[in-house]
N, C-alpha and C. Protein backbone atom coordinates (compact mmCIF):
# COMPACT_ATOMS: atom_id res chain seq x y z
N MET A 1 18.42 -6.96 9.59
CA MET A 1 17.69 -7.72 10.60
C MET A 1 16.35 -8.18 9.99
N THR A 2 16.08 -9.45 10.04
CA THR A 2 14.85 -9.98 9.50
C THR A 2 14.05 -10.64 10.63
N TRP A 3 12.81 -10.24 10.76
CA TRP A 3 11.90 -10.84 11.73
C TRP A 3 10.95 -11.74 11.03
N ASN A 4 10.70 -12.89 11.58
CA ASN A 4 9.64 -13.72 11.01
C ASN A 4 8.31 -13.30 11.63
N TRP A 5 7.24 -13.89 11.17
CA TRP A 5 5.92 -13.46 11.63
C TRP A 5 5.70 -13.71 13.10
N LYS A 6 6.35 -14.75 13.65
CA LYS A 6 6.19 -15.07 15.06
C LYS A 6 6.84 -13.99 15.93
N THR A 7 8.05 -13.61 15.58
CA THR A 7 8.75 -12.56 16.34
C THR A 7 8.00 -11.23 16.24
N GLY A 8 7.53 -10.92 15.03
CA GLY A 8 6.75 -9.67 14.84
C GLY A 8 5.45 -9.69 15.63
N GLY A 9 4.80 -10.86 15.66
CA GLY A 9 3.54 -10.99 16.41
C GLY A 9 3.76 -10.78 17.91
N VAL A 10 4.81 -11.39 18.44
CA VAL A 10 5.13 -11.22 19.86
C VAL A 10 5.48 -9.76 20.17
N ALA A 11 6.26 -9.14 19.29
CA ALA A 11 6.62 -7.73 19.49
C ALA A 11 5.38 -6.82 19.45
N LEU A 12 4.49 -7.09 18.50
CA LEU A 12 3.25 -6.31 18.40
C LEU A 12 2.40 -6.52 19.65
N GLY A 13 2.27 -7.75 20.08
CA GLY A 13 1.49 -8.04 21.30
C GLY A 13 2.05 -7.33 22.52
N LEU A 14 3.36 -7.33 22.67
CA LEU A 14 4.01 -6.61 23.80
C LEU A 14 3.75 -5.11 23.69
N ALA A 15 3.86 -4.55 22.50
CA ALA A 15 3.63 -3.11 22.32
C ALA A 15 2.20 -2.74 22.70
N ILE A 16 1.24 -3.54 22.27
CA ILE A 16 -0.17 -3.28 22.60
C ILE A 16 -0.39 -3.42 24.10
N PHE A 17 0.18 -4.48 24.70
CA PHE A 17 0.03 -4.68 26.13
C PHE A 17 0.58 -3.48 26.92
N ILE A 18 1.74 -3.01 26.55
CA ILE A 18 2.34 -1.87 27.24
C ILE A 18 1.47 -0.61 27.06
N ALA A 19 0.97 -0.40 25.85
CA ALA A 19 0.11 0.75 25.58
C ALA A 19 -1.15 0.71 26.44
N VAL A 20 -1.80 -0.46 26.48
CA VAL A 20 -3.02 -0.60 27.29
C VAL A 20 -2.71 -0.42 28.78
N LEU A 21 -1.62 -0.98 29.21
CA LEU A 21 -1.22 -0.92 30.62
C LEU A 21 -0.86 0.51 31.05
N LEU A 22 -0.11 1.23 30.23
CA LEU A 22 0.41 2.53 30.62
C LEU A 22 -0.47 3.71 30.23
N VAL A 23 -1.14 3.63 29.08
CA VAL A 23 -1.87 4.80 28.61
C VAL A 23 -3.32 4.48 28.34
N LYS A 24 -3.59 3.82 27.22
CA LYS A 24 -4.96 3.47 26.85
C LYS A 24 -4.90 2.50 25.68
N PRO A 25 -6.02 1.89 25.37
CA PRO A 25 -6.02 0.97 24.22
C PRO A 25 -5.65 1.70 22.93
N ILE A 26 -5.04 0.95 22.02
CA ILE A 26 -4.63 1.49 20.75
C ILE A 26 -5.82 1.54 19.81
N GLY A 27 -5.97 2.64 19.12
CA GLY A 27 -6.96 2.83 18.09
C GLY A 27 -6.61 4.07 17.31
N VAL A 28 -6.60 4.00 15.98
CA VAL A 28 -6.06 5.13 15.23
C VAL A 28 -7.01 5.74 14.20
N SER A 29 -8.08 5.06 13.83
CA SER A 29 -8.88 5.59 12.72
C SER A 29 -9.53 6.92 13.05
N THR A 30 -9.84 7.16 14.32
CA THR A 30 -10.44 8.43 14.71
C THR A 30 -9.49 9.60 14.41
N GLN A 31 -8.20 9.33 14.46
CA GLN A 31 -7.25 10.42 14.25
C GLN A 31 -7.27 10.96 12.83
N PHE A 32 -7.75 10.16 11.87
CA PHE A 32 -7.91 10.67 10.53
C PHE A 32 -9.07 11.66 10.46
N VAL A 33 -10.11 11.39 11.24
CA VAL A 33 -11.24 12.32 11.36
C VAL A 33 -10.74 13.61 12.02
N ILE A 34 -9.90 13.48 13.03
CA ILE A 34 -9.35 14.65 13.73
C ILE A 34 -8.49 15.46 12.75
N PHE A 35 -7.68 14.79 11.94
CA PHE A 35 -6.84 15.50 10.96
C PHE A 35 -7.72 16.24 9.95
N ASP A 36 -8.77 15.57 9.47
CA ASP A 36 -9.71 16.22 8.54
C ASP A 36 -10.32 17.46 9.20
N ALA A 37 -10.68 17.34 10.46
CA ALA A 37 -11.25 18.49 11.18
C ALA A 37 -10.27 19.62 11.33
N MET A 38 -9.00 19.30 11.55
CA MET A 38 -7.97 20.34 11.66
C MET A 38 -7.86 21.12 10.34
N VAL A 39 -7.85 20.39 9.23
CA VAL A 39 -7.76 21.02 7.91
C VAL A 39 -9.02 21.84 7.65
N ALA A 40 -10.19 21.25 7.92
CA ALA A 40 -11.44 21.97 7.68
C ALA A 40 -11.57 23.20 8.54
N ASP A 41 -11.02 23.15 9.75
CA ASP A 41 -11.09 24.33 10.65
C ASP A 41 -10.22 25.46 10.13
N LYS A 42 -9.14 25.13 9.43
CA LYS A 42 -8.29 26.17 8.81
C LYS A 42 -9.04 26.86 7.68
N ILE A 43 -9.87 26.09 6.97
CA ILE A 43 -10.64 26.64 5.85
C ILE A 43 -11.84 27.42 6.37
N ASN A 44 -12.49 26.87 7.39
CA ASN A 44 -13.68 27.50 7.99
C ASN A 44 -13.42 27.64 9.49
N PRO A 45 -12.88 28.79 9.93
CA PRO A 45 -12.54 28.97 11.35
C PRO A 45 -13.71 28.88 12.30
N ASP A 46 -14.93 28.91 11.81
CA ASP A 46 -16.10 28.78 12.67
C ASP A 46 -16.49 27.32 12.93
N LEU A 47 -15.79 26.37 12.34
CA LEU A 47 -16.11 24.96 12.50
C LEU A 47 -15.94 24.49 13.93
N ILE A 48 -14.86 24.85 14.56
CA ILE A 48 -14.55 24.44 15.93
C ILE A 48 -14.39 25.69 16.77
N THR A 49 -15.16 25.75 17.86
CA THR A 49 -15.14 26.94 18.72
C THR A 49 -15.11 26.53 20.19
N PRO A 50 -14.49 27.37 21.01
CA PRO A 50 -14.47 27.08 22.46
C PRO A 50 -15.84 27.38 23.06
N THR A 51 -16.18 26.67 24.13
CA THR A 51 -17.42 26.90 24.85
C THR A 51 -17.13 27.73 26.09
N ASP A 52 -18.18 28.24 26.70
CA ASP A 52 -18.02 29.09 27.89
C ASP A 52 -17.42 28.33 29.08
N ASP A 53 -17.63 27.04 29.12
CA ASP A 53 -17.16 26.23 30.27
C ASP A 53 -15.75 25.68 30.06
N GLY A 54 -15.05 26.16 29.04
CA GLY A 54 -13.66 25.75 28.79
C GLY A 54 -13.54 24.56 27.86
N GLY A 55 -14.65 24.03 27.38
CA GLY A 55 -14.61 22.90 26.45
C GLY A 55 -14.58 23.37 25.02
N TRP A 56 -14.92 22.45 24.11
CA TRP A 56 -14.95 22.75 22.68
C TRP A 56 -16.20 22.19 22.08
N THR A 57 -16.65 22.84 21.00
CA THR A 57 -17.81 22.34 20.25
C THR A 57 -17.58 22.60 18.78
N SER A 58 -18.50 22.13 17.96
CA SER A 58 -18.38 22.29 16.51
C SER A 58 -19.74 22.44 15.90
N THR A 59 -19.78 23.07 14.74
CA THR A 59 -21.02 23.14 13.96
C THR A 59 -21.27 21.82 13.29
N ASN A 60 -20.28 20.94 13.23
CA ASN A 60 -20.41 19.59 12.70
C ASN A 60 -20.84 18.67 13.84
N ALA A 61 -21.98 18.00 13.68
CA ALA A 61 -22.51 17.18 14.76
C ALA A 61 -21.57 16.03 15.16
N TYR A 62 -20.85 15.48 14.20
CA TYR A 62 -19.94 14.38 14.51
C TYR A 62 -18.81 14.86 15.41
N LEU A 63 -18.27 16.03 15.12
CA LEU A 63 -17.18 16.58 15.94
C LEU A 63 -17.67 17.05 17.29
N ALA A 64 -18.94 17.46 17.38
CA ALA A 64 -19.51 17.98 18.62
C ALA A 64 -19.97 16.87 19.57
N LYS A 65 -20.11 15.64 19.06
CA LYS A 65 -20.63 14.55 19.93
C LYS A 65 -19.66 14.25 21.05
N SER A 66 -20.12 13.55 22.06
CA SER A 66 -19.33 13.19 23.25
C SER A 66 -18.79 14.45 23.93
N ASP A 67 -19.66 15.44 24.09
CA ASP A 67 -19.29 16.73 24.74
C ASP A 67 -18.11 17.40 24.04
N GLY A 68 -18.05 17.30 22.74
CA GLY A 68 -17.03 18.01 21.96
C GLY A 68 -15.66 17.37 22.02
N LYS A 69 -15.60 16.09 22.32
CA LYS A 69 -14.30 15.38 22.43
C LYS A 69 -13.48 15.49 21.15
N TYR A 70 -14.12 15.22 20.00
CA TYR A 70 -13.39 15.30 18.73
C TYR A 70 -13.02 16.73 18.40
N ALA A 71 -13.89 17.67 18.67
CA ALA A 71 -13.59 19.08 18.44
C ALA A 71 -12.39 19.50 19.28
N LYS A 72 -12.37 19.05 20.53
CA LYS A 72 -11.25 19.38 21.42
C LYS A 72 -9.93 18.82 20.87
N ASN A 73 -9.97 17.56 20.43
CA ASN A 73 -8.75 16.94 19.89
C ASN A 73 -8.28 17.61 18.61
N ALA A 74 -9.22 18.10 17.78
CA ALA A 74 -8.83 18.83 16.57
C ALA A 74 -8.25 20.20 16.89
N ALA A 75 -8.80 20.84 17.94
CA ALA A 75 -8.29 22.16 18.33
C ALA A 75 -6.94 22.07 19.02
N ASN A 76 -6.71 20.93 19.72
CA ASN A 76 -5.44 20.70 20.43
C ASN A 76 -4.89 19.34 20.05
N PRO A 77 -4.30 19.20 18.85
CA PRO A 77 -3.97 17.89 18.34
C PRO A 77 -2.76 17.22 19.00
N LEU A 78 -1.98 17.93 19.77
CA LEU A 78 -0.81 17.32 20.39
C LEU A 78 -1.22 16.48 21.59
N ASN A 79 -1.83 15.34 21.30
CA ASN A 79 -2.26 14.41 22.33
C ASN A 79 -1.67 13.04 22.01
N TYR A 80 -1.84 12.12 22.92
CA TYR A 80 -1.28 10.77 22.77
C TYR A 80 -1.68 10.14 21.44
N SER A 81 -2.96 10.16 21.14
CA SER A 81 -3.46 9.45 19.95
C SER A 81 -2.90 10.02 18.66
N PHE A 82 -2.85 11.33 18.52
CA PHE A 82 -2.35 11.92 17.27
C PHE A 82 -0.84 11.69 17.14
N ILE A 83 -0.12 11.84 18.24
CA ILE A 83 1.33 11.60 18.20
C ILE A 83 1.62 10.12 17.90
N PHE A 84 0.73 9.22 18.40
CA PHE A 84 0.87 7.80 18.13
C PHE A 84 0.79 7.52 16.63
N VAL A 85 -0.15 8.16 15.94
CA VAL A 85 -0.31 7.97 14.49
C VAL A 85 0.97 8.45 13.77
N LEU A 86 1.48 9.61 14.16
CA LEU A 86 2.71 10.13 13.55
C LEU A 86 3.88 9.15 13.82
N ALA A 87 3.93 8.61 15.03
CA ALA A 87 4.99 7.66 15.39
C ALA A 87 4.87 6.37 14.58
N MET A 88 3.62 5.95 14.30
CA MET A 88 3.42 4.74 13.46
C MET A 88 4.01 4.97 12.05
N MET A 89 3.75 6.13 11.50
CA MET A 89 4.30 6.42 10.16
C MET A 89 5.80 6.46 10.20
N ALA A 90 6.38 7.09 11.23
CA ALA A 90 7.83 7.15 11.36
C ALA A 90 8.41 5.74 11.56
N GLY A 91 7.73 4.93 12.37
CA GLY A 91 8.18 3.55 12.60
C GLY A 91 8.13 2.72 11.34
N ALA A 92 7.11 2.91 10.50
CA ALA A 92 7.06 2.19 9.25
C ALA A 92 8.22 2.59 8.34
N GLY A 93 8.53 3.87 8.31
CA GLY A 93 9.66 4.33 7.51
C GLY A 93 10.98 3.76 7.99
N ILE A 94 11.16 3.76 9.29
CA ILE A 94 12.38 3.19 9.89
C ILE A 94 12.47 1.70 9.60
N SER A 95 11.36 1.01 9.71
CA SER A 95 11.34 -0.43 9.44
C SER A 95 11.71 -0.70 7.98
N ALA A 96 11.15 0.07 7.06
CA ALA A 96 11.48 -0.13 5.63
C ALA A 96 12.96 0.15 5.40
N TRP A 97 13.48 1.16 6.04
CA TRP A 97 14.91 1.52 5.87
C TRP A 97 15.79 0.40 6.45
N LEU A 98 15.44 -0.13 7.63
CA LEU A 98 16.25 -1.17 8.25
C LEU A 98 16.25 -2.49 7.47
N ARG A 99 15.14 -2.78 6.78
CA ARG A 99 15.10 -4.02 6.01
C ARG A 99 15.53 -3.81 4.57
N GLY A 100 16.08 -2.66 4.27
CA GLY A 100 16.66 -2.43 2.95
C GLY A 100 15.68 -1.84 1.95
N GLY A 101 14.66 -1.20 2.40
CA GLY A 101 13.69 -0.57 1.50
C GLY A 101 14.28 0.71 0.91
N ASN A 102 15.21 0.55 0.03
CA ASN A 102 15.95 1.70 -0.52
C ASN A 102 15.39 2.16 -1.87
N GLY A 103 14.18 1.74 -2.17
CA GLY A 103 13.56 2.20 -3.41
C GLY A 103 13.73 1.25 -4.57
N LYS A 104 14.52 0.20 -4.42
CA LYS A 104 14.66 -0.78 -5.49
C LYS A 104 13.34 -1.56 -5.61
N GLU A 105 12.94 -1.83 -6.83
CA GLU A 105 11.68 -2.54 -7.06
C GLU A 105 11.64 -3.87 -6.32
N ASP A 106 12.76 -4.60 -6.27
CA ASP A 106 12.77 -5.92 -5.66
C ASP A 106 12.41 -5.85 -4.17
N ASN A 107 12.76 -4.76 -3.51
CA ASN A 107 12.50 -4.62 -2.09
C ASN A 107 11.09 -4.14 -1.79
N ARG A 108 10.45 -3.46 -2.76
CA ARG A 108 9.14 -2.85 -2.50
C ARG A 108 7.98 -3.73 -2.92
N ILE A 109 8.21 -4.68 -3.79
CA ILE A 109 7.11 -5.51 -4.28
C ILE A 109 7.32 -6.93 -3.85
N PRO A 110 6.43 -7.44 -2.97
CA PRO A 110 6.57 -8.81 -2.52
C PRO A 110 6.43 -9.80 -3.67
N ALA A 111 7.09 -10.95 -3.51
CA ALA A 111 7.08 -11.98 -4.57
C ALA A 111 5.66 -12.45 -4.90
N LEU A 112 4.79 -12.58 -3.89
CA LEU A 112 3.42 -13.03 -4.13
C LEU A 112 2.66 -12.02 -4.99
N TRP A 113 2.85 -10.73 -4.71
CA TRP A 113 2.22 -9.70 -5.52
C TRP A 113 2.75 -9.75 -6.95
N ARG A 114 4.07 -9.86 -7.08
CA ARG A 114 4.72 -9.89 -8.38
C ARG A 114 4.19 -11.07 -9.23
N ALA A 115 4.02 -12.22 -8.59
CA ALA A 115 3.56 -13.40 -9.31
C ALA A 115 2.12 -13.25 -9.82
N ASN A 116 1.34 -12.50 -9.10
CA ASN A 116 -0.09 -12.35 -9.45
C ASN A 116 -0.40 -11.10 -10.26
N PHE A 117 0.37 -10.04 -10.07
CA PHE A 117 0.02 -8.76 -10.70
C PHE A 117 1.16 -8.08 -11.44
N GLY A 118 2.35 -8.65 -11.43
CA GLY A 118 3.44 -8.03 -12.19
C GLY A 118 4.35 -7.15 -11.36
N ASP A 119 5.27 -6.47 -12.08
CA ASP A 119 6.32 -5.68 -11.44
C ASP A 119 6.03 -4.20 -11.29
N ALA A 120 4.90 -3.74 -11.76
CA ALA A 120 4.64 -2.28 -11.75
C ALA A 120 4.42 -1.76 -10.34
N ALA A 121 5.33 -0.91 -9.88
CA ALA A 121 5.21 -0.33 -8.54
C ALA A 121 3.98 0.53 -8.40
N TRP A 122 3.59 1.23 -9.48
CA TRP A 122 2.42 2.10 -9.39
C TRP A 122 1.16 1.28 -9.11
N LYS A 123 1.10 0.04 -9.68
CA LYS A 123 -0.07 -0.82 -9.43
C LYS A 123 -0.13 -1.21 -7.95
N ARG A 124 1.00 -1.58 -7.41
CA ARG A 124 1.10 -1.95 -5.98
C ARG A 124 0.71 -0.77 -5.12
N ASN A 125 1.27 0.41 -5.41
CA ASN A 125 0.97 1.59 -4.61
C ASN A 125 -0.51 1.97 -4.69
N LEU A 126 -1.09 1.89 -5.90
CA LEU A 126 -2.50 2.21 -6.07
C LEU A 126 -3.39 1.21 -5.31
N ALA A 127 -3.05 -0.05 -5.38
CA ALA A 127 -3.81 -1.07 -4.64
C ALA A 127 -3.69 -0.86 -3.13
N ALA A 128 -2.50 -0.53 -2.66
CA ALA A 128 -2.30 -0.29 -1.23
C ALA A 128 -3.09 0.93 -0.77
N PHE A 129 -3.08 2.00 -1.56
CA PHE A 129 -3.86 3.19 -1.23
C PHE A 129 -5.34 2.90 -1.23
N GLY A 130 -5.80 2.21 -2.27
CA GLY A 130 -7.23 1.86 -2.39
C GLY A 130 -7.68 0.96 -1.23
N GLY A 131 -6.87 -0.04 -0.93
CA GLY A 131 -7.19 -0.93 0.19
C GLY A 131 -7.22 -0.19 1.51
N GLY A 132 -6.27 0.69 1.70
CA GLY A 132 -6.23 1.50 2.94
C GLY A 132 -7.45 2.40 3.05
N PHE A 133 -7.86 2.97 1.92
CA PHE A 133 -9.04 3.83 1.93
C PHE A 133 -10.29 3.02 2.31
N ILE A 134 -10.44 1.84 1.72
CA ILE A 134 -11.60 0.99 2.03
C ILE A 134 -11.61 0.57 3.50
N VAL A 135 -10.45 0.19 4.01
CA VAL A 135 -10.36 -0.22 5.42
C VAL A 135 -10.71 0.97 6.33
N LEU A 136 -10.17 2.17 6.02
CA LEU A 136 -10.44 3.33 6.85
C LEU A 136 -11.91 3.71 6.80
N TYR A 137 -12.51 3.65 5.61
CA TYR A 137 -13.95 3.95 5.46
C TYR A 137 -14.78 2.96 6.28
N GLY A 138 -14.44 1.68 6.15
CA GLY A 138 -15.14 0.66 6.94
C GLY A 138 -14.92 0.82 8.42
N ALA A 139 -13.73 1.24 8.81
CA ALA A 139 -13.45 1.45 10.24
C ALA A 139 -14.33 2.54 10.81
N ARG A 140 -14.54 3.60 10.06
CA ARG A 140 -15.40 4.69 10.57
C ARG A 140 -16.85 4.22 10.62
N LEU A 141 -17.28 3.40 9.68
CA LEU A 141 -18.64 2.84 9.73
C LEU A 141 -18.81 1.94 10.96
N ALA A 142 -17.76 1.19 11.30
CA ALA A 142 -17.81 0.26 12.41
C ALA A 142 -17.56 0.95 13.75
N GLY A 143 -17.20 2.22 13.71
CA GLY A 143 -16.92 2.93 14.98
C GLY A 143 -15.56 2.61 15.55
N GLY A 144 -14.64 2.15 14.73
CA GLY A 144 -13.29 1.85 15.19
C GLY A 144 -12.54 1.04 14.15
N CYS A 145 -11.24 0.94 14.32
CA CYS A 145 -10.40 0.30 13.33
C CYS A 145 -9.94 -1.08 13.80
N THR A 146 -9.15 -1.74 12.98
CA THR A 146 -8.66 -3.05 13.34
C THR A 146 -7.79 -2.99 14.59
N SER A 147 -7.02 -1.93 14.74
CA SER A 147 -6.20 -1.84 15.96
C SER A 147 -7.06 -1.66 17.19
N GLY A 148 -8.13 -0.89 17.08
CA GLY A 148 -9.02 -0.68 18.22
C GLY A 148 -9.90 -1.87 18.49
N HIS A 149 -10.59 -2.35 17.47
CA HIS A 149 -11.52 -3.48 17.66
C HIS A 149 -10.80 -4.79 17.84
N MET A 150 -9.85 -5.07 16.94
CA MET A 150 -9.25 -6.41 16.95
C MET A 150 -8.12 -6.50 17.94
N MET A 151 -7.08 -5.72 17.78
CA MET A 151 -5.89 -5.90 18.64
C MET A 151 -6.18 -5.50 20.08
N SER A 152 -6.63 -4.28 20.30
CA SER A 152 -6.91 -3.84 21.68
C SER A 152 -8.15 -4.54 22.22
N GLY A 153 -9.16 -4.73 21.38
CA GLY A 153 -10.38 -5.38 21.81
C GLY A 153 -10.15 -6.80 22.29
N LEU A 154 -9.36 -7.58 21.53
CA LEU A 154 -9.07 -8.95 21.94
C LEU A 154 -8.26 -8.97 23.22
N MET A 155 -7.32 -8.04 23.34
CA MET A 155 -6.48 -8.01 24.55
C MET A 155 -7.33 -7.72 25.77
N GLN A 156 -8.40 -6.96 25.61
CA GLN A 156 -9.27 -6.62 26.73
C GLN A 156 -10.45 -7.62 26.84
N THR A 157 -10.43 -8.65 26.05
CA THR A 157 -11.48 -9.68 25.96
C THR A 157 -12.86 -9.08 25.76
N ALA A 158 -12.94 -8.07 24.90
CA ALA A 158 -14.23 -7.44 24.55
C ALA A 158 -14.97 -8.30 23.54
N LEU A 159 -16.24 -8.53 23.78
CA LEU A 159 -17.03 -9.31 22.85
C LEU A 159 -17.02 -8.70 21.45
N SER A 160 -17.09 -7.37 21.38
CA SER A 160 -17.06 -6.70 20.08
C SER A 160 -15.75 -6.96 19.33
N GLY A 161 -14.66 -7.10 20.06
CA GLY A 161 -13.38 -7.44 19.43
C GLY A 161 -13.41 -8.81 18.79
N TYR A 162 -14.01 -9.79 19.47
CA TYR A 162 -14.10 -11.13 18.89
C TYR A 162 -15.05 -11.14 17.67
N ILE A 163 -16.18 -10.45 17.77
CA ILE A 163 -17.10 -10.39 16.63
C ILE A 163 -16.42 -9.74 15.44
N PHE A 164 -15.75 -8.62 15.67
CA PHE A 164 -15.06 -7.91 14.59
C PHE A 164 -13.99 -8.79 13.96
N THR A 165 -13.22 -9.51 14.78
CA THR A 165 -12.12 -10.36 14.28
C THR A 165 -12.68 -11.48 13.41
N VAL A 166 -13.73 -12.13 13.83
CA VAL A 166 -14.35 -13.19 13.03
C VAL A 166 -14.85 -12.61 11.70
N GLY A 167 -15.51 -11.45 11.75
CA GLY A 167 -15.99 -10.80 10.53
C GLY A 167 -14.87 -10.39 9.59
N ALA A 168 -13.78 -9.85 10.16
CA ALA A 168 -12.65 -9.44 9.33
C ALA A 168 -12.02 -10.61 8.60
N PHE A 169 -11.80 -11.70 9.31
CA PHE A 169 -11.21 -12.88 8.67
C PHE A 169 -12.18 -13.56 7.72
N ALA A 170 -13.46 -13.54 8.06
CA ALA A 170 -14.46 -14.14 7.16
C ALA A 170 -14.51 -13.39 5.82
N ALA A 171 -14.18 -12.12 5.83
CA ALA A 171 -14.12 -11.35 4.57
C ALA A 171 -12.74 -11.43 3.93
N ALA A 172 -11.69 -11.34 4.73
CA ALA A 172 -10.33 -11.26 4.20
C ALA A 172 -9.84 -12.56 3.56
N ILE A 173 -10.15 -13.69 4.14
CA ILE A 173 -9.65 -14.96 3.60
C ILE A 173 -10.18 -15.25 2.20
N PRO A 174 -11.52 -15.15 1.96
CA PRO A 174 -11.97 -15.40 0.60
C PRO A 174 -11.47 -14.37 -0.43
N VAL A 175 -11.37 -13.12 0.00
CA VAL A 175 -10.83 -12.08 -0.91
C VAL A 175 -9.39 -12.38 -1.28
N ALA A 176 -8.58 -12.75 -0.28
CA ALA A 176 -7.18 -13.07 -0.57
C ALA A 176 -7.08 -14.30 -1.48
N MET A 177 -7.94 -15.28 -1.27
CA MET A 177 -7.91 -16.48 -2.13
C MET A 177 -8.29 -16.14 -3.57
N MET A 178 -9.21 -15.19 -3.72
CA MET A 178 -9.60 -14.79 -5.08
C MET A 178 -8.50 -13.96 -5.75
N MET A 179 -7.87 -13.09 -4.98
CA MET A 179 -6.88 -12.19 -5.56
C MET A 179 -5.54 -12.89 -5.85
N TYR A 180 -5.11 -13.75 -4.97
CA TYR A 180 -3.79 -14.36 -5.08
C TYR A 180 -3.90 -15.83 -5.46
N LYS A 181 -4.25 -16.08 -6.72
CA LYS A 181 -4.43 -17.44 -7.20
C LYS A 181 -3.09 -18.14 -7.43
N LYS A 182 -2.07 -17.38 -7.85
CA LYS A 182 -0.75 -17.96 -8.07
C LYS A 182 0.03 -17.96 -6.78
N ASP A 183 0.70 -19.05 -6.49
CA ASP A 183 1.50 -19.18 -5.30
C ASP A 183 2.97 -19.04 -5.68
N VAL A 184 3.81 -18.75 -4.70
CA VAL A 184 5.25 -18.65 -4.93
C VAL A 184 5.98 -19.49 -3.91
N GLU A 185 7.15 -19.97 -4.28
CA GLU A 185 8.03 -20.70 -3.36
C GLU A 185 8.83 -19.66 -2.60
N LEU A 186 8.85 -19.80 -1.28
CA LEU A 186 9.63 -18.85 -0.47
C LEU A 186 10.95 -19.41 -0.06
């Protein structure tokens, strides 16, 4: 089954609409902070502690902010947002499997990447990891990720969503033009 970008865009829009309608806006970068806190709490059990009023707090100011909301989520990670991140990873794996991502180089490296950077899968994987790290780091600096600011923000007509979207494209388009100088016929 092959989806073009229009079908994928409509499907993504419907998924975001349903999430906002039924649960809450989509945003995932905070869950990486929560995961880090879960790991850090295993190393240092005094990092996250319950409070007398039934809440949670932390010796880390970031986790303790918002009345211990992040500390609470790290102490009790089985919540909508954390399960959503796990489901995204599972969905990506299922998508790769359904479109034939069986580990063959031809399926894992897009033609545009191959034309500009060659066939080495390790290069593609390293670039994807590095790009993901930069996006996640920037998301935490911005107080939210592309799914929270751009996708959910635009759906809710939030001014911050529009500002973020303009900024993201203003940075992404010139970078893509610099990186992908060679074009390919599709």
